[in-house]
Amino acid sequence: MNNKNIRSINQNSIVQEKELLEKITSGDVHAFKLLFESYRDDVFNLCYRFANNREDAEDLCQEVFFKIYNSAATFKHKSKLSTWIYRITVNLCLNFKRKHHKFNWLFLDDRQEEKSNVSEYLSIPIADQPDSFVEKKEREQIVQDAINSLPKNQRVALILQRYEELSVQEIADILGASALSVQSRLARAKENLCKKILPQLT
């Protein structure tokens, strides 16, 4: 696909997003339902990462979409719609953590860290161990505890990259930081994780 076609697709996407938000602003329930169905799973999953339980995640998810509905008219289209929605979600999640003094950030649940994934992501050798359920759970808890112990700015960047699979630039746009700053946070996060995890898993 050539650059002209790519620009055309991007422009069409921007137009569609603008039209969708204009309809939401005017009170179009169908338009809001369409946006909700498109982003609900992504928003809930991120809320679940921060909240550690389904009930709080559901409440946060509802709050996010309430904020989107009331703020639709303020979106300036300087970033992608998804980036704006992620930014709202992250900010509300951070406010939730501060308000409730809950400091455990990451809940792995069914998207569990496998040994090979930890090894590949952190570039560290993981000793072979029997694949028993108990040992897997212990390994997952080690990873979870290590991530939860990271400084906030490193934790958030790591969660967005590792578990939400966002690019460095997308994370930078969401956090209002430079790509270089995000790269630095991720590098420090990996370094700190290696120091915490390596002695326990090798």
Foldseek 3Di string as FASTA:
>chain_A
DDPVVVVVVVVVQLVVLLVLLVCLQVPNPVSLVVVCVVCVVVLLVQLCQAPVDNVRSVVLSVVLSVCCSVCSVVDPSPDHPVLVSLLSSVVSSVVVCVVVVPQQRGDCPPVFDDPVNLCVVLVHDFDDDDPDPVVSVVLRVLLSVQLSPDPPLLSVLCCCCPVVVDDLVSVCSSVVHDSVVSVVSPVVSSVSSCVRNVVPGD
